[in-house]
C-alpha atoms as a PDB file:
ATOM      1  CA  MET A   1       3.172  -3.646 -12.679  1.00  0.00           C
ATOM      2  CA  ALA A   2      -0.343  -4.866 -12.018  1.00  0.00           C
ATOM      3  CA  SER A   3      -1.498  -8.075 -13.663  1.00  0.00           C
ATOM      4  CA  LYS A   4      -4.643  -8.358 -15.763  1.00  0.00           C
ATOM      5  CA  ILE A   5      -6.413 -10.084 -12.851  1.00  0.00           C
ATOM      6  CA  GLU A   6      -5.425  -7.337 -10.391  1.00  0.00           C
ATOM      7  CA  ILE A   7      -6.642  -4.615 -12.763  1.00  0.00           C
ATOM      8  CA  GLU A   8      -9.922  -6.426 -13.460  1.00  0.00           C
ATOM      9  CA  VAL A   9     -10.611  -7.034  -9.750  1.00  0.00           C
ATOM     10  CA  GLU A  10      -9.735  -3.465  -8.796  1.00  0.00           C
ATOM     11  CA  SER A  11     -12.115  -2.113 -11.414  1.00  0.00           C
ATOM     12  CA  ALA A  12     -14.911  -4.437 -10.286  1.00  0.00           C
ATOM     13  CA  VAL A  13     -14.738  -3.800  -6.521  1.00  0.00           C
ATOM     14  CA  ARG A  14     -13.337  -0.271  -6.031  1.00  0.00           C
ATOM     15  CA  GLY A  15     -16.730   1.480  -6.126  1.00  0.00           C
ATOM     16  CA  LEU A  16     -18.327  -1.059  -3.807  1.00  0.00           C
ATOM     17  CA  ILE A  17     -15.500  -0.776  -1.273  1.00  0.00           C
ATOM     18  CA  GLU A  18     -15.634   3.029  -1.405  1.00  0.00           C
ATOM     19  CA  SER A  19     -19.425   2.938  -0.892  1.00  0.00           C
ATOM     20  CA  LEU A  20     -18.750   1.100   2.379  1.00  0.00           C
ATOM     21  CA  GLY A  21     -16.471   3.953   3.521  1.00  0.00           C
ATOM     22  CA  TYR A  22     -13.089   2.359   2.815  1.00  0.00           C
ATOM     23  CA  GLN A  23     -10.291   3.040   0.367  1.00  0.00           C
ATOM     24  CA  LEU A  24      -8.981   0.227  -1.821  1.00  0.00           C
ATOM     25  CA  VAL A  25      -5.228   0.790  -1.746  1.00  0.00           C
ATOM     26  CA  GLU A  26      -3.892  -2.229  -3.583  1.00  0.00           C
ATOM     27  CA  VAL A  27      -4.924  -5.528  -5.140  1.00  0.00           C
ATOM     28  CA  ASP A  28      -2.339  -8.316  -5.074  1.00  0.00           C
ATOM     29  CA  TYR A  29      -2.700 -11.661  -6.850  1.00  0.00           C
ATOM     30  CA  SER A  30       0.254 -13.875  -6.031  1.00  0.00           C
ATOM     31  CA  LYS A  31       1.351 -17.356  -5.038  1.00  0.00           C
ATOM     32  CA  LYS A  32       1.741 -17.971  -1.305  1.00  0.00           C
ATOM     33  CA  PHE A  33       2.497 -21.130   0.661  1.00  0.00           C
ATOM     34  CA  ASN A  34      -1.144 -22.253   0.393  1.00  0.00           C
ATOM     35  CA  GLY A  35      -1.618 -21.540  -3.325  1.00  0.00           C
ATOM     36  CA  MET A  36      -2.829 -18.478  -5.191  1.00  0.00           C
ATOM     37  CA  ASN A  37      -4.048 -15.579  -3.052  1.00  0.00           C
ATOM     38  CA  LEU A  38      -6.064 -12.539  -4.046  1.00  0.00           C
ATOM     39  CA  THR A  39      -5.515  -9.885  -1.393  1.00  0.00           C
ATOM     40  CA  LEU A  40      -7.379  -6.587  -1.186  1.00  0.00           C
ATOM     41  CA  PHE A  41      -5.562  -4.005   0.954  1.00  0.00           C
ATOM     42  CA  ILE A  42      -7.949  -1.440   2.413  1.00  0.00           C
ATOM     43  CA  ASP A  43      -7.620   1.684   4.534  1.00  0.00           C
ATOM     44  CA  SER A  44      -9.773   4.334   6.191  1.00  0.00           C
ATOM     45  CA  ALA A  45      -9.195   7.502   8.175  1.00  0.00           C
ATOM     46  CA  ASP A  46     -10.283   5.628  11.320  1.00  0.00           C
ATOM     47  CA  GLY A  47      -7.953   2.693  10.708  1.00  0.00           C
ATOM     48  CA  ILE A  48      -8.963  -0.870   9.883  1.00  0.00           C
ATOM     49  CA  SER A  49     -10.220  -3.548  12.257  1.00  0.00           C
ATOM     50  CA  ILE A  50     -10.842  -7.241  11.686  1.00  0.00           C
ATOM     51  CA  ASN A  51     -14.573  -6.408  11.486  1.00  0.00           C
ATOM     52  CA  ASP A  52     -13.867  -3.961   8.635  1.00  0.00           C
ATOM     53  CA  CYS A  53     -11.961  -6.655   6.746  1.00  0.00           C
ATOM     54  CA  GLU A  54     -14.789  -9.128   7.299  1.00  0.00           C
ATOM     55  CA  ARG A  55     -17.381  -6.581   6.112  1.00  0.00           C
ATOM     56  CA  VAL A  56     -15.481  -5.907   2.874  1.00  0.00           C
ATOM     57  CA  HIS A  57     -14.833  -9.631   2.336  1.00  0.00           C
ATOM     58  CA  ARG A  58     -18.563 -10.395   2.546  1.00  0.00           C
ATOM     59  CA  ALA A  59     -19.412  -7.493   0.228  1.00  0.00           C
ATOM     60  CA  VAL A  60     -16.970  -8.419  -2.560  1.00  0.00           C
ATOM     61  CA  ASP A  61     -17.196 -12.208  -2.370  1.00  0.00           C
ATOM     62  CA  GLY A  62     -20.314 -12.501  -4.555  1.00  0.00           C
ATOM     63  CA  VAL A  63     -19.052  -9.898  -7.015  1.00  0.00           C
ATOM     64  CA  LEU A  64     -15.811 -11.839  -7.479  1.00  0.00           C
ATOM     65  CA  ASP A  65     -17.667 -15.154  -7.830  1.00  0.00           C
ATOM     66  CA  GLU A  66     -19.702 -13.643 -10.657  1.00  0.00           C
ATOM     67  CA  LEU A  67     -16.678 -11.928 -12.238  1.00  0.00           C
ATOM     68  CA  ASP A  68     -14.535 -15.103 -12.052  1.00  0.00           C
ATOM     69  CA  PRO A  69     -11.285 -13.159 -12.634  1.00  0.00           C
ATOM     70  CA  THR A  70      -9.159 -16.329 -12.553  1.00  0.00           C
ATOM     71  CA  SER A  71     -11.273 -18.213 -15.106  1.00  0.00           C
ATOM     72  CA  GLY A  72     -12.114 -20.960 -12.644  1.00  0.00           C
ATOM     73  CA  ALA A  73      -8.666 -21.319 -11.072  1.00  0.00           C
ATOM     74  CA  LYS A  74      -8.805 -21.664  -7.268  1.00  0.00           C
ATOM     75  CA  TYR A  75      -7.594 -18.827  -5.056  1.00  0.00           C
ATOM     76  CA  THR A  76      -7.948 -17.630  -1.475  1.00  0.00           C
ATOM     77  CA  LEU A  77      -9.545 -14.216  -1.002  1.00  0.00           C
ATOM     78  CA  ASN A  78      -7.962 -12.070   1.711  1.00  0.00           C
ATOM     79  CA  VAL A  79      -8.929  -8.582   2.850  1.00  0.00           C
ATOM     80  CA  SER A  80      -6.249  -6.845   4.880  1.00  0.00           C
ATOM     81  CA  SER A  81      -5.235  -3.544   6.408  1.00  0.00           C
ATOM     82  CA  LEU A  82      -2.051  -1.983   5.095  1.00  0.00           C
ATOM     83  CA  GLY A  83      -0.086  -2.938   8.200  1.00  0.00           C
ATOM     84  CA  LEU A  84       2.260  -0.717  10.148  1.00  0.00           C
ATOM     85  CA  ASP A  85       5.353  -1.938   8.329  1.00  0.00           C
ATOM     86  CA  ARG A  86       4.071  -1.427   4.780  1.00  0.00           C
ATOM     87  CA  PRO A  87       6.718   0.233   2.595  1.00  0.00           C
ATOM     88  CA  ILE A  88       5.851   3.603   1.077  1.00  0.00           C
ATOM     89  CA  LYS A  89       5.925   3.063  -2.700  1.00  0.00           C
ATOM     90  CA  SER A  90       3.007   4.528  -4.596  1.00  0.00           C
ATOM     91  CA  PRO A  91       1.853   8.149  -4.947  1.00  0.00           C
ATOM     92  CA  ALA A  92      -1.131   7.222  -2.744  1.00  0.00           C
ATOM     93  CA  ASP A  93       1.269   5.908  -0.068  1.00  0.00           C
ATOM     94  CA  PHE A  94       3.243   9.155  -0.163  1.00  0.00           C
ATOM     95  CA  LYS A  95       0.072  11.238   0.011  1.00  0.00           C
ATOM     96  CA  ARG A  96      -1.265   9.218   2.955  1.00  0.00           C
ATOM     97  CA  ASN A  97       2.023   9.663   4.848  1.00  0.00           C
ATOM     98  CA  LEU A  98       2.658  13.336   4.063  1.00  0.00           C
ATOM     99  CA  ASN A  99       3.838  15.260   7.157  1.00  0.00           C
ATOM    100  CA  LYS A 100       4.571  12.030   9.027  1.00  0.00           C
ATOM    101  CA  ASP A 101       7.961  10.781  10.195  1.00  0.00           C
ATOM    102  CA  ILE A 102       9.551   8.286   7.821  1.00  0.00           C
ATOM    103  CA  THR A 103      12.732   6.251   7.662  1.00  0.00           C
ATOM    104  CA  VAL A 104      14.618   5.928   4.379  1.00  0.00           C
ATOM    105  CA  LYS A 105      17.142   3.154   3.766  1.00  0.00           C
ATOM    106  CA  PHE A 106      19.508   3.709   0.849  1.00  0.00           C
ATOM    107  CA  TYR A 107      21.120   1.317  -1.616  1.00  0.00           C
ATOM    108  CA  ALA A 108      24.406   3.205  -1.216  1.00  0.00           C
ATOM    109  CA  PRO A 109      25.350   5.956   1.248  1.00  0.00           C
ATOM    110  CA  PHE A 110      23.486   9.222   0.650  1.00  0.00           C
ATOM    111  CA  ASN A 111      25.420  12.185   2.063  1.00  0.00           C
ATOM    112  CA  GLY A 112      27.413   9.577   4.024  1.00  0.00           C
ATOM    113  CA  MET A 113      24.319   7.892   5.507  1.00  0.00           C
ATOM    114  CA  LYS A 114      22.788   4.461   4.824  1.00  0.00           C
ATOM    115  CA  GLU A 115      19.600   5.457   6.685  1.00  0.00           C
ATOM    116  CA  LEU A 116      17.824   8.756   7.283  1.00  0.00           C
ATOM    117  CA  THR A 117      14.818   9.717   9.394  1.00  0.00           C
ATOM    118  CA  GLY A 118      12.710  12.849   9.071  1.00  0.00           C
ATOM    119  CA  LYS A 119       9.316  14.234   8.137  1.00  0.00           C
ATOM    120  CA  LEU A 120       7.954  13.620   4.631  1.00  0.00           C
ATOM    121  CA  VAL A 121       7.159  17.132   3.381  1.00  0.00           C
ATOM    122  CA  GLY A 122       6.780  16.662  -0.380  1.00  0.00           C
ATOM    123  CA  PHE A 123       6.884  14.201  -3.257  1.00  0.00           C
ATOM    124  CA  SER A 124       6.628  13.863  -7.022  1.00  0.00           C
ATOM    125  CA  GLU A 125       6.822  10.969  -9.482  1.00  0.00           C
ATOM    126  CA  LYS A 126      10.644  11.080  -9.386  1.00  0.00           C
ATOM    127  CA  ASP A 127      11.625  12.243  -5.910  1.00  0.00           C
ATOM    128  CA  PHE A 128      10.510  13.127  -2.405  1.00  0.00           C
ATOM    129  CA  GLU A 129      11.445  15.713   0.217  1.00  0.00           C
ATOM    130  CA  ILE A 130      12.272  14.955   3.821  1.00  0.00           C
ATOM    131  CA  GLN A 131      12.667  17.518   6.614  1.00  0.00           C
ATOM    132  CA  THR A 132      15.526  16.597   8.932  1.00  0.00           C
ATOM    133  CA  ASP A 133      16.682  18.479  12.023  1.00  0.00           C
ATOM    134  CA  LYS A 134      18.988  20.553   9.848  1.00  0.00           C
ATOM    135  CA  LYS A 135      17.283  21.056   6.459  1.00  0.00           C
ATOM    136  CA  VAL A 136      14.930  19.791   3.761  1.00  0.00           C
ATOM    137  CA  LEU A 137      16.530  17.201   1.498  1.00  0.00           C
ATOM    138  CA  LYS A 138      15.261  16.327  -1.968  1.00  0.00           C
ATOM    139  CA  ILE A 139      15.960  12.649  -2.684  1.00  0.00           C
ATOM    140  CA  ASP A 140      15.607  10.795  -5.979  1.00  0.00           C
ATOM    141  CA  LEU A 141      13.341   7.751  -5.550  1.00  0.00           C
ATOM    142  CA  SER A 142      15.865   5.533  -7.336  1.00  0.00           C
ATOM    143  CA  LEU A 143      18.322   6.007  -4.447  1.00  0.00           C
ATOM    144  CA  ALA A 144      15.950   4.673  -1.778  1.00  0.00           C
ATOM    145  CA  ALA A 145      15.977   0.933  -1.141  1.00  0.00           C
ATOM    146  CA  LYS A 146      13.080   1.188   1.306  1.00  0.00           C
ATOM    147  CA  ILE A 147      10.888   3.998   2.615  1.00  0.00           C
ATOM    148  CA  GLU A 148       8.633   3.301   5.585  1.00  0.00           C
ATOM    149  CA  LEU A 149       6.665   5.030   8.280  1.00  0.00           C
ATOM    150  CA  LYS A 150       8.745   5.579  11.419  1.00  0.00           C
ATOM    151  CA  LEU A 151       7.024   3.778  14.241  1.00  0.00           C
ATOM    152  CA  ASN A 152       7.101   5.550  17.590  1.00  0.00           C
ATOM    153  CA  PHE A 153       6.094   3.457  20.583  1.00  0.00           C
END
């Protein structure tokens, strides 16, 4: 569940980030080894480069200084791509990865398997559908420990 700071920041910068041609996927405010970090995860159809992250960082920095979402508490602002190993969790993640190969790791064996790979072909708030070599399986989200994009190198 998003914190008050994450909600406030998302509301303040979403339109600006979208006007630059990027999608704001997630805002995370959490403690890291170097103190509190405010991380904006962005995406675009063309992918994200370090220059894209720098562009967004410069654009939102002044807005966040004026907003002061942490009421003066120090934090480090980070702008990041989603990363190849980002778990698929939210409806936006599922939508972005529709018709792509995914790997599902289960808490307990599902049809005798602890892991399953196939194409994501559908999803809802409660479950998702994966096309395997043999058939389409409908899987309850609560059974999946981790869902991620299958990386093919």
